[in-house]
Amino acid sequence: LKSPIQPIFGFAELAQSGDIDQKEAWDGVTILAKKLQDLANDVLDVTRIESNRLTLYQEKLRINELILETTRMLKTGLNKNIKIIEELDEDIEITLDRTRIEQVLRNIINNSIKFTENGIIKVRTLVNKKSDELLVTVSDTGLGIPEEILPNIFGKFVTKGHESENQGGNGLGLFLCKGIVFAH
């Protein structure tokens, strides 16, 4: 929780001393406050998952529509040489919590974006009517997950990337994804 707070004070002090203009200071404070809010929400979600109190608001939705909405949003803010491709099977209707499944999709695709400098990210679906299952996969052309963290990848506070990468994160994302999927 401390990591976004110190820079907020830094922006305030720089603005007070006149070292940066007010707009730059407020822009910095706003970005960091949003990060703090996201972190607080993640911590609250972790608590809900661990205490088995994650509430789902389920509705029937078309899965391809949800995936396309999510990838469209992520493509808009993309500032890397990465192409996001959707390879979607039949557009089936399933019952799920839209907000929570969007959170899972965004988190996993954002991880792919974070750890892929250039290349392709593929989001695929496969419908198996015999077993009444839907498989959603996200793959990328990044460096992959370091082998030493694979056994704990869905644990809390797992954040290690490759040596050449300087990527931040709180290490709660995949833990939350697992909890949300299991809650469904």
Foldseek 3Di string as FASTA:
>chain_A
DVVLVVVLVVLVVCCVVVVDDPVVSVVSNVVSVVVVVVVVVLVVLVVCLVVVNDDADKDKDFPVVLLVVLVVVVVVPQDAQEEEEEAEDDRDIDIGRSVLVSLLSNLVVVVQSLQARHWYKYWYWDADVVVRDIDIDIDTPGPDAPPVCVVPLLPAQDDDDDPVHDDDDRRRRSVSSVSRVVSD
